[in-house]
């Protein structure tokens, strides 16, 4: 099974799923408009998340959405059985250049709390909504100096969360999704993406991985 997403410049993201007996191999190929390709083989952990056949992985490819100003990345959710579940528009960059941008790589993605005064749930630490946590909130290398950490090249508490609106993604280094119609953090695009990666069916700590290409 092969699914391909193509932008206006001819760049592509292709997800190829192959069954060989009890083994499922899934390869993501990202090809730019000049024909240069990168590939990534996706791995899965059986039974994660709960009630979904297998974990979901996220592919984020920067500068794919032609003509976009803020949300320039294509974000593809893939599953072992279904292949590509769907594609959304997102951003891999912070809202201000003074914040650091994480380096290209593959990061563990887990379900966790994203604290925000606009959150629709609360605990002893404040208001939050459920989102995806990268690398268990541990440090991730960045491409540039981070003003939040004495201009060192690292960042922590990196999440994949809803953008605030079409103008501001509200990111200090996190990956964000174009929210869609509705009040933050319940925009239609974010809700459909959240459901696609496991949503309320997944337990806290369960998801898959974020595979980030630039």
C-alpha atoms as a PDB file:
ATOM      1  CA  UNK A   1       0.000   0.000   0.000  1.00  0.00           C
ATOM      2  CA  UNK A   2       1.428   3.363  -1.062  1.00  0.00           C
ATOM      3  CA  UNK A   3       0.046   6.838  -0.353  1.00  0.00           C
ATOM      4  CA  UNK A   4       1.602  10.049  -1.666  1.00  0.00           C
ATOM      5  CA  UNK A   5       1.070  13.710  -0.820  1.00  0.00           C
ATOM      6  CA  UNK A   6       2.312  16.231  -3.417  1.00  0.00           C
ATOM      7  CA  UNK A   7       2.650  19.999  -3.088  1.00  0.00           C
ATOM      8  CA  UNK A   8       2.378  22.661  -5.812  1.00  0.00           C
ATOM      9  CA  UNK A   9       6.132  22.575  -6.461  1.00  0.00           C
ATOM     10  CA  UNK A  10       6.197  18.812  -7.018  1.00  0.00           C
ATOM     11  CA  UNK A  11       7.721  17.822  -3.668  1.00  0.00           C
ATOM     12  CA  UNK A  12       6.254  14.618  -2.224  1.00  0.00           C
ATOM     13  CA  UNK A  13       5.759  12.690   0.986  1.00  0.00           C
ATOM     14  CA  UNK A  14       5.194   8.987   0.312  1.00  0.00           C
ATOM     15  CA  UNK A  15       4.192   6.340   2.862  1.00  0.00           C
ATOM     16  CA  UNK A  16       4.749   2.742   1.724  1.00  0.00           C
ATOM     17  CA  UNK A  17       3.433  -0.114   3.875  1.00  0.00           C
ATOM     18  CA  UNK A  18       4.516  -3.668   3.070  1.00  0.00           C
ATOM     19  CA  UNK A  19       3.327  -6.898   4.719  1.00  0.00           C
ATOM     20  CA  UNK A  20       5.767  -9.810   4.806  1.00  0.00           C
ATOM     21  CA  UNK A  21       4.271 -12.602   6.856  1.00  0.00           C
ATOM     22  CA  UNK A  22       4.059 -11.383  10.449  1.00  0.00           C
ATOM     23  CA  UNK A  23       6.293  -8.384   9.736  1.00  0.00           C
ATOM     24  CA  UNK A  24       4.994  -4.993   8.651  1.00  0.00           C
ATOM     25  CA  UNK A  25       7.542  -2.586   7.194  1.00  0.00           C
ATOM     26  CA  UNK A  26       6.598   1.031   6.708  1.00  0.00           C
ATOM     27  CA  UNK A  27       8.872   3.484   4.918  1.00  0.00           C
ATOM     28  CA  UNK A  28       8.381   7.239   4.618  1.00  0.00           C
ATOM     29  CA  UNK A  29      10.133   8.933   1.685  1.00  0.00           C
ATOM     30  CA  UNK A  30      10.372  12.724   1.530  1.00  0.00           C
ATOM     31  CA  UNK A  31      11.424  14.084  -1.877  1.00  0.00           C
ATOM     32  CA  UNK A  32      11.986  17.786  -2.504  1.00  0.00           C
ATOM     33  CA  UNK A  33      11.204  19.646  -5.731  1.00  0.00           C
ATOM     34  CA  UNK A  34      14.749  18.987  -6.997  1.00  0.00           C
ATOM     35  CA  UNK A  35      14.426  15.219  -6.577  1.00  0.00           C
ATOM     36  CA  UNK A  36      16.536  14.862  -3.421  1.00  0.00           C
ATOM     37  CA  UNK A  37      15.105  12.194  -1.111  1.00  0.00           C
ATOM     38  CA  UNK A  38      15.250  11.185   2.538  1.00  0.00           C
ATOM     39  CA  UNK A  39      13.790   7.968   3.923  1.00  0.00           C
ATOM     40  CA  UNK A  40      12.749   6.838   7.379  1.00  0.00           C
ATOM     41  CA  UNK A  41      11.582   3.368   8.424  1.00  0.00           C
ATOM     42  CA  UNK A  42       8.864   3.488  11.073  1.00  0.00           C
ATOM     43  CA  UNK A  43       8.723   1.102  14.004  1.00  0.00           C
ATOM     44  CA  UNK A  44       5.719   0.104  16.097  1.00  0.00           C
ATOM     45  CA  UNK A  45       5.000  -1.245  19.552  1.00  0.00           C
ATOM     46  CA  UNK A  46       2.131  -3.732  19.578  1.00  0.00           C
ATOM     47  CA  UNK A  47      -0.955  -2.661  21.514  1.00  0.00           C
ATOM     48  CA  UNK A  48      -0.139   1.038  21.853  1.00  0.00           C
ATOM     49  CA  UNK A  49      -2.290   3.056  22.202  1.00  0.00           C
ATOM     50  CA  UNK A  50      -5.126   1.268  23.945  1.00  0.00           C
ATOM     51  CA  UNK A  51      -8.169   0.422  21.768  1.00  0.00           C
ATOM     52  CA  UNK A  52      -6.343   1.315  18.577  1.00  0.00           C
ATOM     53  CA  UNK A  53      -4.730  -1.445  16.516  1.00  0.00           C
ATOM     54  CA  UNK A  54      -1.236  -0.031  16.952  1.00  0.00           C
ATOM     55  CA  UNK A  55       0.532   3.156  17.881  1.00  0.00           C
ATOM     56  CA  UNK A  56       0.384   6.168  15.592  1.00  0.00           C
ATOM     57  CA  UNK A  57       3.437   7.969  14.276  1.00  0.00           C
ATOM     58  CA  UNK A  58       3.606  11.569  13.062  1.00  0.00           C
ATOM     59  CA  UNK A  59       5.600  12.823  10.072  1.00  0.00           C
ATOM     60  CA  UNK A  60       6.298  16.573  10.043  1.00  0.00           C
ATOM     61  CA  UNK A  61       7.959  17.992   6.918  1.00  0.00           C
ATOM     62  CA  UNK A  62       8.926  21.654   7.043  1.00  0.00           C
ATOM     63  CA  UNK A  63       8.431  24.119   4.150  1.00  0.00           C
ATOM     64  CA  UNK A  64       6.048  21.771   2.320  1.00  0.00           C
ATOM     65  CA  UNK A  65       2.895  23.906   2.214  1.00  0.00           C
ATOM     66  CA  UNK A  66       3.499  26.243  -0.724  1.00  0.00           C
ATOM     67  CA  UNK A  67       2.668  29.893  -0.059  1.00  0.00           C
ATOM     68  CA  UNK A  68       1.876  29.496   3.645  1.00  0.00           C
ATOM     69  CA  UNK A  69       3.242  32.167   5.999  1.00  0.00           C
ATOM     70  CA  UNK A  70       2.947  30.637   9.473  1.00  0.00           C
ATOM     71  CA  UNK A  71       2.005  26.957   9.136  1.00  0.00           C
ATOM     72  CA  UNK A  72       4.411  25.779   6.418  1.00  0.00           C
ATOM     73  CA  UNK A  73       4.745  22.102   7.391  1.00  0.00           C
ATOM     74  CA  UNK A  74       2.715  19.111   6.280  1.00  0.00           C
ATOM     75  CA  UNK A  75       1.859  16.853   9.211  1.00  0.00           C
ATOM     76  CA  UNK A  76       0.959  13.255   8.315  1.00  0.00           C
ATOM     77  CA  UNK A  77      -0.342  10.707  10.825  1.00  0.00           C
ATOM     78  CA  UNK A  78       0.380   7.076   9.984  1.00  0.00           C
ATOM     79  CA  UNK A  79      -0.595   3.755  11.528  1.00  0.00           C
ATOM     80  CA  UNK A  80       0.741   0.260  11.036  1.00  0.00           C
ATOM     81  CA  UNK A  81      -2.496  -1.200   9.696  1.00  0.00           C
ATOM     82  CA  UNK A  82      -4.000   1.841   7.969  1.00  0.00           C
ATOM     83  CA  UNK A  83      -0.935   3.495   6.466  1.00  0.00           C
ATOM     84  CA  UNK A  84      -1.487   7.256   6.177  1.00  0.00           C
ATOM     85  CA  UNK A  85      -4.499   8.227   8.292  1.00  0.00           C
ATOM     86  CA  UNK A  86      -4.583  11.853   7.147  1.00  0.00           C
ATOM     87  CA  UNK A  87      -2.625  15.072   6.640  1.00  0.00           C
ATOM     88  CA  UNK A  88      -2.795  18.448   8.381  1.00  0.00           C
ATOM     89  CA  UNK A  89      -1.048  21.819   8.214  1.00  0.00           C
ATOM     90  CA  UNK A  90       1.375  22.704  10.992  1.00  0.00           C
ATOM     91  CA  UNK A  91       4.542  24.486  12.014  1.00  0.00           C
ATOM     92  CA  UNK A  92       7.912  23.199  13.208  1.00  0.00           C
ATOM     93  CA  UNK A  93       9.133  26.668  14.187  1.00  0.00           C
ATOM     94  CA  UNK A  94       8.640  28.895  17.245  1.00  0.00           C
ATOM     95  CA  UNK A  95       6.553  32.037  17.063  1.00  0.00           C
ATOM     96  CA  UNK A  96       9.591  34.299  17.568  1.00  0.00           C
ATOM     97  CA  UNK A  97      13.110  33.877  16.185  1.00  0.00           C
ATOM     98  CA  UNK A  98      14.575  34.444  19.666  1.00  0.00           C
ATOM     99  CA  UNK A  99      13.280  31.014  20.670  1.00  0.00           C
ATOM    100  CA  UNK A 100      15.148  27.907  19.570  1.00  0.00           C
ATOM    101  CA  UNK A 101      14.109  25.413  16.889  1.00  0.00           C
ATOM    102  CA  UNK A 102      14.697  21.711  17.567  1.00  0.00           C
ATOM    103  CA  UNK A 103      16.954  19.743  15.239  1.00  0.00           C
ATOM    104  CA  UNK A 104      15.678  17.282  12.661  1.00  0.00           C
ATOM    105  CA  UNK A 105      15.229  13.816  14.123  1.00  0.00           C
ATOM    106  CA  UNK A 106      12.930  11.120  15.487  1.00  0.00           C
ATOM    107  CA  UNK A 107      11.449  11.758  18.920  1.00  0.00           C
ATOM    108  CA  UNK A 108       9.312   9.632  21.197  1.00  0.00           C
ATOM    109  CA  UNK A 109       5.800  11.048  21.386  1.00  0.00           C
ATOM    110  CA  UNK A 110       3.663  10.492  24.472  1.00  0.00           C
ATOM    111  CA  UNK A 111       0.283  11.742  25.609  1.00  0.00           C
ATOM    112  CA  UNK A 112       0.601  14.453  28.240  1.00  0.00           C
ATOM    113  CA  UNK A 113      -0.642  17.740  29.644  1.00  0.00           C
ATOM    114  CA  UNK A 114       0.062  21.041  27.891  1.00  0.00           C
ATOM    115  CA  UNK A 115      -0.448  23.773  30.470  1.00  0.00           C
ATOM    116  CA  UNK A 116      -2.219  26.895  29.239  1.00  0.00           C
ATOM    117  CA  UNK A 117      -4.538  29.442  30.820  1.00  0.00           C
ATOM    118  CA  UNK A 118      -6.957  28.504  28.040  1.00  0.00           C
ATOM    119  CA  UNK A 119      -6.938  24.811  28.966  1.00  0.00           C
ATOM    120  CA  UNK A 120     -10.230  22.951  29.301  1.00  0.00           C
ATOM    121  CA  UNK A 121      -9.120  20.837  32.278  1.00  0.00           C
ATOM    122  CA  UNK A 122      -7.202  21.653  35.456  1.00  0.00           C
ATOM    123  CA  UNK A 123      -5.167  20.124  38.257  1.00  0.00           C
ATOM    124  CA  UNK A 124      -3.059  21.421  41.140  1.00  0.00           C
ATOM    125  CA  UNK A 125      -0.599  22.927  38.632  1.00  0.00           C
ATOM    126  CA  UNK A 126      -3.163  24.912  36.663  1.00  0.00           C
ATOM    127  CA  UNK A 127      -5.232  24.696  33.483  1.00  0.00           C
ATOM    128  CA  UNK A 128      -4.189  22.347  30.677  1.00  0.00           C
ATOM    129  CA  UNK A 129      -5.334  20.404  27.651  1.00  0.00           C
ATOM    130  CA  UNK A 130      -4.100  17.070  26.344  1.00  0.00           C
ATOM    131  CA  UNK A 131      -1.406  17.175  23.677  1.00  0.00           C
ATOM    132  CA  UNK A 132       1.711  15.258  22.587  1.00  0.00           C
ATOM    133  CA  UNK A 133       4.939  15.419  24.616  1.00  0.00           C
ATOM    134  CA  UNK A 134       8.266  14.970  22.811  1.00  0.00           C
ATOM    135  CA  UNK A 135      11.174  13.111  24.431  1.00  0.00           C
ATOM    136  CA  UNK A 136       9.370  12.923  27.794  1.00  0.00           C
ATOM    137  CA  UNK A 137      10.018  16.645  28.330  1.00  0.00           C
ATOM    138  CA  UNK A 138      13.762  15.959  28.457  1.00  0.00           C
ATOM    139  CA  UNK A 139      16.319  18.197  26.648  1.00  0.00           C
ATOM    140  CA  UNK A 140      16.458  18.203  22.833  1.00  0.00           C
ATOM    141  CA  UNK A 141      19.247  19.777  20.791  1.00  0.00           C
ATOM    142  CA  UNK A 142      18.359  22.945  18.889  1.00  0.00           C
ATOM    143  CA  UNK A 143      19.628  24.492  15.677  1.00  0.00           C
ATOM    144  CA  UNK A 144      20.237  27.873  17.269  1.00  0.00           C
ATOM    145  CA  UNK A 145      20.887  29.473  20.637  1.00  0.00           C
ATOM    146  CA  UNK A 146      17.934  29.419  23.010  1.00  0.00           C
ATOM    147  CA  UNK A 147      17.209  32.677  24.829  1.00  0.00           C
ATOM    148  CA  UNK A 148      15.305  30.697  27.464  1.00  0.00           C
ATOM    149  CA  UNK A 149      18.426  28.711  28.425  1.00  0.00           C
ATOM    150  CA  UNK A 150      21.262  31.243  28.573  1.00  0.00           C
ATOM    151  CA  UNK A 151      21.659  31.073  24.792  1.00  0.00           C
ATOM    152  CA  UNK A 152      22.691  27.422  24.911  1.00  0.00           C
ATOM    153  CA  UNK A 153      21.628  25.088  22.088  1.00  0.00           C
ATOM    154  CA  UNK A 154      18.990  22.956  23.770  1.00  0.00           C
ATOM    155  CA  UNK A 155      15.347  23.067  24.804  1.00  0.00           C
ATOM    156  CA  UNK A 156      13.100  20.997  27.038  1.00  0.00           C
ATOM    157  CA  UNK A 157       9.362  20.646  27.553  1.00  0.00           C
ATOM    158  CA  UNK A 158       8.889  20.487  23.795  1.00  0.00           C
ATOM    159  CA  UNK A 159       5.308  19.576  22.911  1.00  0.00           C
ATOM    160  CA  UNK A 160       3.181  19.131  19.797  1.00  0.00           C
ATOM    161  CA  UNK A 161       0.145  21.269  20.566  1.00  0.00           C
ATOM    162  CA  UNK A 162      -2.524  23.391  18.928  1.00  0.00           C
ATOM    163  CA  UNK A 163      -1.501  26.702  17.434  1.00  0.00           C
ATOM    164  CA  UNK A 164      -3.250  29.701  18.980  1.00  0.00           C
ATOM    165  CA  UNK A 165      -4.731  31.006  15.728  1.00  0.00           C
ATOM    166  CA  UNK A 166      -3.838  31.465  12.057  1.00  0.00           C
ATOM    167  CA  UNK A 167      -1.540  34.420  12.840  1.00  0.00           C
ATOM    168  CA  UNK A 168       0.262  33.237  15.988  1.00  0.00           C
ATOM    169  CA  UNK A 169       1.136  29.625  16.700  1.00  0.00           C
ATOM    170  CA  UNK A 170       1.896  30.436  20.352  1.00  0.00           C
ATOM    171  CA  UNK A 171       5.115  28.398  20.265  1.00  0.00           C
ATOM    172  CA  UNK A 172       8.299  28.982  22.275  1.00  0.00           C
ATOM    173  CA  UNK A 173       9.965  26.053  20.526  1.00  0.00           C
ATOM    174  CA  UNK A 174       7.156  23.513  20.262  1.00  0.00           C
ATOM    175  CA  UNK A 175       5.674  22.007  17.105  1.00  0.00           C
ATOM    176  CA  UNK A 176       2.156  23.262  16.452  1.00  0.00           C
ATOM    177  CA  UNK A 177      -0.883  22.435  14.355  1.00  0.00           C
ATOM    178  CA  UNK A 178      -3.007  24.986  12.502  1.00  0.00           C
ATOM    179  CA  UNK A 179      -6.041  25.013  14.794  1.00  0.00           C
ATOM    180  CA  UNK A 180      -8.969  25.325  12.389  1.00  0.00           C
ATOM    181  CA  UNK A 181     -12.398  26.733  13.248  1.00  0.00           C
ATOM    182  CA  UNK A 182     -13.306  27.101  16.906  1.00  0.00           C
ATOM    183  CA  UNK A 183     -11.868  28.631  20.055  1.00  0.00           C
ATOM    184  CA  UNK A 184      -8.383  27.619  21.217  1.00  0.00           C
ATOM    185  CA  UNK A 185      -7.626  24.865  22.110  1.00  0.00           C
ATOM    186  CA  UNK A 186     -10.660  23.224  20.497  1.00  0.00           C
ATOM    187  CA  UNK A 187     -10.191  24.138  16.840  1.00  0.00           C
ATOM    188  CA  UNK A 188     -11.591  21.628  14.361  1.00  0.00           C
ATOM    189  CA  UNK A 189      -8.205  20.731  12.844  1.00  0.00           C
ATOM    190  CA  UNK A 190      -6.586  20.202  16.229  1.00  0.00           C
ATOM    191  CA  UNK A 191      -9.438  17.991  17.438  1.00  0.00           C
ATOM    192  CA  UNK A 192      -9.286  15.782  14.335  1.00  0.00           C
ATOM    193  CA  UNK A 193      -5.475  15.508  14.601  1.00  0.00           C
ATOM    194  CA  UNK A 194      -5.681  14.712  18.318  1.00  0.00           C
ATOM    195  CA  UNK A 195      -8.208  11.966  17.612  1.00  0.00           C
ATOM    196  CA  UNK A 196      -5.987  10.586  14.828  1.00  0.00           C
ATOM    197  CA  UNK A 197      -2.975  10.129  17.124  1.00  0.00           C
ATOM    198  CA  UNK A 198      -5.020   8.334  19.762  1.00  0.00           C
ATOM    199  CA  UNK A 199      -6.897  11.101  21.521  1.00  0.00           C
ATOM    200  CA  UNK A 200      -9.015  10.144  24.486  1.00  0.00           C
ATOM    201  CA  UNK A 201      -8.646   6.434  23.701  1.00  0.00           C
ATOM    202  CA  UNK A 202      -4.947   6.508  24.593  1.00  0.00           C
ATOM    203  CA  UNK A 203      -3.719   6.400  28.169  1.00  0.00           C
ATOM    204  CA  UNK A 204      -1.418   9.126  29.451  1.00  0.00           C
ATOM    205  CA  UNK A 205       2.090   8.212  28.275  1.00  0.00           C
ATOM    206  CA  UNK A 206       0.967   6.323  25.158  1.00  0.00           C
ATOM    207  CA  UNK A 207       1.327   7.415  21.532  1.00  0.00           C
ATOM    208  CA  UNK A 208       4.234   6.714  19.184  1.00  0.00           C
ATOM    209  CA  UNK A 209       6.880   8.955  17.654  1.00  0.00           C
ATOM    210  CA  UNK A 210       7.327  12.238  15.815  1.00  0.00           C
ATOM    211  CA  UNK A 211       9.547  11.964  12.750  1.00  0.00           C
ATOM    212  CA  UNK A 212      10.672  15.483  11.909  1.00  0.00           C
ATOM    213  CA  UNK A 213      12.164  16.348   8.499  1.00  0.00           C
ATOM    214  CA  UNK A 214      13.478  19.740   7.386  1.00  0.00           C
END
